[in-house]
Amino acid sequence: MKILVIGTGYVGTTTALVFAEMGYKVTGLDADRNNIDLLGEGTLYFYEPGLESILVKHLQEGNIKFTTDSESAIKEADIIFICTETPSGLDGSADLQNMKEVSCIRIIV
């Protein structure tokens, strides 16, 4: 089963790596080319003890990859998880704009 995680922030990257640890083939998708490049090179851009070694392990084993190519990533996926930022508004409500944008990506197969 091929899993796509959209959003490679702290939550998305950690989620993707947990799925890789469970034996799934995982792709992390994000629009931020810099973060995708860092992750693809085995470098976390945030700190979480022990996570970077898991990243390196699964990159080497081919269980995880990172991309900015939404069309290919979505077409290849069996399951998609959306892990985008939902910052709080001034009233404490969640700003769902990022999630709405991602969920409206349209791929013609």
N, C-alpha and C. Protein backbone atom coordinates (compact mmCIF):
# COMPACT_ATOMS: atom_id res chain seq x y z
N MET A 1 0.83 -1.17 0.00
CA MET A 1 0.00 0.00 0.00
C MET A 1 0.88 1.24 0.00
N LYS A 2 0.54 2.19 -0.84
CA LYS A 2 1.30 3.43 -0.97
C LYS A 2 0.55 4.57 -0.28
N ILE A 3 1.22 5.20 0.66
CA ILE A 3 0.61 6.28 1.43
C ILE A 3 1.23 7.60 1.03
N LEU A 4 0.38 8.60 0.86
CA LEU A 4 0.83 9.96 0.60
C LEU A 4 0.48 10.82 1.80
N VAL A 5 1.46 11.56 2.30
CA VAL A 5 1.24 12.52 3.36
C VAL A 5 1.48 13.90 2.77
N ILE A 6 0.41 14.70 2.73
CA ILE A 6 0.52 16.05 2.20
C ILE A 6 0.80 17.00 3.36
N GLY A 7 1.92 17.67 3.28
CA GLY A 7 2.38 18.55 4.35
C GLY A 7 3.52 17.89 5.08
N THR A 8 4.71 18.46 4.98
CA THR A 8 5.88 17.85 5.61
C THR A 8 6.42 18.72 6.74
N GLY A 9 5.51 19.28 7.51
CA GLY A 9 5.91 19.96 8.73
C GLY A 9 6.19 18.91 9.79
N TYR A 10 6.18 19.33 11.03
CA TYR A 10 6.45 18.41 12.13
C TYR A 10 5.48 17.23 12.12
N VAL A 11 4.19 17.51 12.06
CA VAL A 11 3.18 16.45 12.13
C VAL A 11 3.24 15.55 10.89
N GLY A 12 3.30 16.14 9.71
CA GLY A 12 3.31 15.36 8.49
C GLY A 12 4.55 14.47 8.35
N THR A 13 5.71 15.04 8.63
CA THR A 13 6.95 14.26 8.52
C THR A 13 6.97 13.13 9.53
N THR A 14 6.59 13.43 10.75
CA THR A 14 6.56 12.39 11.79
C THR A 14 5.57 11.29 11.43
N THR A 15 4.40 11.68 10.96
CA THR A 15 3.39 10.70 10.54
C THR A 15 3.93 9.82 9.41
N ALA A 16 4.54 10.45 8.42
CA ALA A 16 5.10 9.71 7.29
C ALA A 16 6.15 8.70 7.75
N LEU A 17 7.00 9.11 8.67
CA LEU A 17 8.05 8.21 9.15
C LEU A 17 7.49 7.06 9.99
N VAL A 18 6.44 7.31 10.72
CA VAL A 18 5.81 6.22 11.48
C VAL A 18 5.22 5.19 10.51
N PHE A 19 4.58 5.65 9.46
CA PHE A 19 4.05 4.72 8.45
C PHE A 19 5.19 3.93 7.79
N ALA A 20 6.29 4.59 7.50
CA ALA A 20 7.45 3.90 6.92
C ALA A 20 7.97 2.83 7.88
N GLU A 21 8.01 3.16 9.16
CA GLU A 21 8.45 2.19 10.18
C GLU A 21 7.52 0.99 10.23
N MET A 22 6.26 1.20 9.89
CA MET A 22 5.28 0.12 9.90
C MET A 22 5.36 -0.72 8.63
N GLY A 23 6.22 -0.33 7.68
CA GLY A 23 6.42 -1.13 6.48
C GLY A 23 5.75 -0.62 5.22
N TYR A 24 5.10 0.53 5.29
CA TYR A 24 4.45 1.09 4.11
C TYR A 24 5.41 1.89 3.25
N LYS A 25 5.09 1.99 1.98
CA LYS A 25 5.80 2.88 1.07
C LYS A 25 5.14 4.25 1.20
N VAL A 26 5.93 5.27 1.50
CA VAL A 26 5.37 6.57 1.83
C VAL A 26 6.01 7.67 0.98
N THR A 27 5.17 8.62 0.57
CA THR A 27 5.65 9.82 -0.10
C THR A 27 5.19 11.02 0.72
N GLY A 28 6.12 11.94 0.95
CA GLY A 28 5.80 13.20 1.60
C GLY A 28 5.73 14.27 0.52
N LEU A 29 4.63 15.00 0.47
CA LEU A 29 4.41 16.03 -0.54
C LEU A 29 4.28 17.39 0.13
N ASP A 30 4.99 18.37 -0.42
CA ASP A 30 4.91 19.73 0.10
C ASP A 30 5.30 20.69 -1.01
N ALA A 31 4.81 21.91 -0.91
CA ALA A 31 5.15 22.94 -1.90
C ALA A 31 6.49 23.61 -1.58
N ASP A 32 6.99 23.42 -0.37
CA ASP A 32 8.24 24.06 0.06
C ASP A 32 9.44 23.23 -0.42
N ARG A 33 10.01 23.63 -1.54
CA ARG A 33 11.13 22.90 -2.16
C ARG A 33 12.31 22.75 -1.20
N ASN A 34 12.61 23.77 -0.42
CA ASN A 34 13.74 23.72 0.51
C ASN A 34 13.56 22.59 1.53
N ASN A 35 12.39 22.50 2.13
CA ASN A 35 12.14 21.44 3.11
C ASN A 35 12.16 20.06 2.45
N ILE A 36 11.60 19.96 1.27
CA ILE A 36 11.61 18.69 0.54
C ILE A 36 13.04 18.26 0.23
N ASP A 37 13.87 19.20 -0.19
CA ASP A 37 15.28 18.89 -0.48
C ASP A 37 16.00 18.42 0.77
N LEU A 38 15.79 19.12 1.88
CA LEU A 38 16.44 18.73 3.14
C LEU A 38 16.02 17.33 3.56
N LEU A 39 14.74 17.07 3.55
CA LEU A 39 14.25 15.75 3.95
C LEU A 39 14.77 14.66 3.02
N GLY A 40 14.80 14.94 1.74
CA GLY A 40 15.31 13.99 0.76
C GLY A 40 16.79 13.67 0.93
N GLU A 41 17.51 14.60 1.55
CA GLU A 41 18.94 14.40 1.85
C GLU A 41 19.16 13.77 3.22
N GLY A 42 18.07 13.52 3.95
CA GLY A 42 18.18 12.90 5.26
C GLY A 42 18.38 13.88 6.40
N THR A 43 17.98 15.12 6.19
CA THR A 43 18.14 16.15 7.21
C THR A 43 16.79 16.67 7.66
N LEU A 44 16.51 16.58 8.95
CA LEU A 44 15.29 17.19 9.49
C LEU A 44 15.53 18.67 9.69
N TYR A 45 14.53 19.49 9.43
CA TYR A 45 14.67 20.92 9.66
C TYR A 45 14.01 21.33 10.98
N PHE A 46 13.62 20.34 11.77
CA PHE A 46 13.11 20.56 13.13
C PHE A 46 13.75 19.49 14.01
N TYR A 47 13.66 19.66 15.32
CA TYR A 47 14.31 18.72 16.22
C TYR A 47 13.29 17.78 16.86
N GLU A 48 13.54 16.51 16.73
CA GLU A 48 12.80 15.48 17.43
C GLU A 48 13.77 14.33 17.66
N PRO A 49 14.10 14.04 18.92
CA PRO A 49 15.12 13.02 19.22
C PRO A 49 14.84 11.69 18.52
N GLY A 50 15.86 11.18 17.83
CA GLY A 50 15.79 9.87 17.19
C GLY A 50 15.12 9.84 15.82
N LEU A 51 14.45 10.91 15.45
CA LEU A 51 13.68 10.88 14.20
C LEU A 51 14.58 10.96 12.96
N GLU A 52 15.69 11.69 13.06
CA GLU A 52 16.57 11.82 11.89
C GLU A 52 17.17 10.47 11.50
N SER A 53 17.50 9.64 12.48
CA SER A 53 18.05 8.32 12.13
C SER A 53 16.98 7.45 11.45
N ILE A 54 15.73 7.60 11.84
CA ILE A 54 14.65 6.86 11.19
C ILE A 54 14.48 7.36 9.76
N LEU A 55 14.57 8.67 9.57
CA LEU A 55 14.50 9.27 8.24
C LEU A 55 15.59 8.69 7.34
N VAL A 56 16.81 8.71 7.80
CA VAL A 56 17.94 8.20 7.01
C VAL A 56 17.75 6.72 6.69
N LYS A 57 17.35 5.95 7.67
CA LYS A 57 17.12 4.51 7.47
C LYS A 57 16.12 4.26 6.34
N HIS A 58 15.00 4.96 6.37
CA HIS A 58 13.95 4.68 5.38
C HIS A 58 14.25 5.29 4.02
N LEU A 59 15.02 6.36 3.98
CA LEU A 59 15.50 6.85 2.68
C LEU A 59 16.41 5.81 2.04
N GLN A 60 17.32 5.25 2.82
CA GLN A 60 18.26 4.25 2.31
C GLN A 60 17.53 2.98 1.87
N GLU A 61 16.48 2.60 2.60
CA GLU A 61 15.73 1.39 2.27
C GLU A 61 14.70 1.63 1.16
N GLY A 62 14.50 2.88 0.78
CA GLY A 62 13.54 3.21 -0.26
C GLY A 62 12.09 3.18 0.17
N ASN A 63 11.86 3.25 1.48
CA ASN A 63 10.49 3.22 1.99
C ASN A 63 9.82 4.59 2.02
N ILE A 64 10.62 5.64 1.89
CA ILE A 64 10.06 6.98 1.94
C ILE A 64 10.75 7.86 0.90
N LYS A 65 9.98 8.77 0.34
CA LYS A 65 10.53 9.75 -0.58
C LYS A 65 9.75 11.04 -0.41
N PHE A 66 10.32 12.12 -0.91
CA PHE A 66 9.72 13.44 -0.75
C PHE A 66 9.68 14.14 -2.10
N THR A 67 8.60 14.88 -2.35
CA THR A 67 8.42 15.51 -3.65
C THR A 67 7.58 16.78 -3.54
N THR A 68 7.68 17.60 -4.58
CA THR A 68 6.79 18.75 -4.75
C THR A 68 5.82 18.49 -5.91
N ASP A 69 5.92 17.35 -6.53
CA ASP A 69 5.11 17.00 -7.70
C ASP A 69 3.77 16.40 -7.26
N SER A 70 2.77 17.26 -7.08
CA SER A 70 1.48 16.79 -6.56
C SER A 70 0.78 15.83 -7.52
N GLU A 71 0.88 16.07 -8.81
CA GLU A 71 0.17 15.22 -9.76
C GLU A 71 0.63 13.78 -9.67
N SER A 72 1.93 13.56 -9.74
CA SER A 72 2.46 12.18 -9.67
C SER A 72 2.21 11.55 -8.31
N ALA A 73 2.42 12.33 -7.26
CA ALA A 73 2.25 11.79 -5.91
C ALA A 73 0.82 11.33 -5.66
N ILE A 74 -0.14 12.13 -6.09
CA ILE A 74 -1.54 11.79 -5.88
C ILE A 74 -1.94 10.58 -6.72
N LYS A 75 -1.49 10.54 -7.96
CA LYS A 75 -1.83 9.41 -8.83
C LYS A 75 -1.29 8.08 -8.29
N GLU A 76 -0.13 8.11 -7.65
CA GLU A 76 0.49 6.89 -7.15
C GLU A 76 -0.09 6.42 -5.82
N ALA A 77 -0.80 7.27 -5.11
CA ALA A 77 -1.23 6.98 -3.74
C ALA A 77 -2.47 6.10 -3.67
N ASP A 78 -2.46 5.20 -2.69
CA ASP A 78 -3.64 4.43 -2.36
C ASP A 78 -4.45 5.15 -1.27
N ILE A 79 -3.73 5.80 -0.36
CA ILE A 79 -4.34 6.53 0.75
C ILE A 79 -3.63 7.87 0.88
N ILE A 80 -4.40 8.93 1.18
CA ILE A 80 -3.82 10.26 1.33
C ILE A 80 -4.18 10.82 2.70
N PHE A 81 -3.17 11.31 3.40
CA PHE A 81 -3.36 12.00 4.68
C PHE A 81 -2.99 13.46 4.47
N ILE A 82 -3.84 14.37 4.90
CA ILE A 82 -3.56 15.79 4.81
C ILE A 82 -3.09 16.28 6.18
N CYS A 83 -1.86 16.75 6.22
CA CYS A 83 -1.24 17.21 7.47
C CYS A 83 -0.73 18.63 7.31
N THR A 84 -1.63 19.52 6.91
CA THR A 84 -1.23 20.91 6.72
C THR A 84 -1.43 21.71 8.00
N GLU A 85 -0.85 22.90 8.01
CA GLU A 85 -1.00 23.78 9.17
C GLU A 85 -2.44 24.25 9.29
N THR A 86 -2.92 24.32 10.52
CA THR A 86 -4.23 24.89 10.83
C THR A 86 -4.04 25.88 11.98
N PRO A 87 -3.42 27.03 11.69
CA PRO A 87 -3.15 27.99 12.76
C PRO A 87 -4.44 28.52 13.38
N SER A 88 -4.33 28.92 14.63
CA SER A 88 -5.49 29.46 15.34
C SER A 88 -5.73 30.91 14.95
N GLY A 89 -7.01 31.24 14.78
CA GLY A 89 -7.40 32.62 14.55
C GLY A 89 -7.42 33.37 15.87
N LEU A 90 -7.69 34.65 15.82
CA LEU A 90 -7.74 35.47 17.02
C LEU A 90 -8.81 34.99 18.00
N ASP A 91 -9.87 34.39 17.47
CA ASP A 91 -10.94 33.89 18.33
C ASP A 91 -10.72 32.45 18.78
N GLY A 92 -9.58 31.87 18.41
CA GLY A 92 -9.26 30.51 18.80
C GLY A 92 -9.70 29.45 17.80
N SER A 93 -10.44 29.84 16.78
CA SER A 93 -10.88 28.88 15.78
C SER A 93 -9.72 28.49 14.86
N ALA A 94 -9.83 27.32 14.27
CA ALA A 94 -8.78 26.83 13.37
C ALA A 94 -8.94 27.48 12.00
N ASP A 95 -7.83 27.95 11.45
CA ASP A 95 -7.81 28.48 10.09
C ASP A 95 -7.59 27.30 9.14
N LEU A 96 -8.60 26.93 8.41
CA LEU A 96 -8.56 25.75 7.56
C LEU A 96 -8.19 26.05 6.11
N GLN A 97 -7.71 27.25 5.83
CA GLN A 97 -7.40 27.64 4.46
C GLN A 97 -6.43 26.68 3.79
N ASN A 98 -5.35 26.31 4.47
CA ASN A 98 -4.37 25.39 3.87
C ASN A 98 -5.00 24.03 3.55
N MET A 99 -5.82 23.54 4.45
CA MET A 99 -6.47 22.25 4.22
C MET A 99 -7.44 22.34 3.05
N LYS A 100 -8.16 23.45 2.95
CA LYS A 100 -9.09 23.63 1.83
C LYS A 100 -8.35 23.68 0.50
N GLU A 101 -7.22 24.38 0.47
CA GLU A 101 -6.44 24.46 -0.77
C GLU A 101 -5.96 23.09 -1.20
N VAL A 102 -5.44 22.32 -0.27
CA VAL A 102 -4.91 20.99 -0.58
C VAL A 102 -6.02 20.05 -1.02
N SER A 103 -7.16 20.11 -0.37
CA SER A 103 -8.24 19.19 -0.71
C SER A 103 -8.89 19.52 -2.05
N CYS A 104 -8.57 20.66 -2.60
CA CYS A 104 -9.14 21.06 -3.91
C CYS A 104 -8.19 20.80 -5.06
N ILE A 105 -7.04 20.18 -4.80
CA ILE A 105 -6.13 19.84 -5.89
C ILE A 105 -6.85 18.85 -6.79
N ARG A 106 -6.87 19.13 -8.05
CA ARG A 106 -7.61 18.30 -8.99
C ARG A 106 -6.63 17.64 -9.97
N ILE A 107 -6.70 16.36 -10.05
CA ILE A 107 -5.85 15.60 -10.97
C ILE A 107 -6.74 14.87 -11.96
N ILE A 108 -6.49 15.06 -13.21
CA ILE A 108 -7.24 14.35 -14.25
C ILE A 108 -6.47 13.08 -14.59
N VAL A 109 -7.09 11.95 -14.35
CA VAL A 109 -6.44 10.66 -14.61
C VAL A 109 -6.80 10.17 -16.00
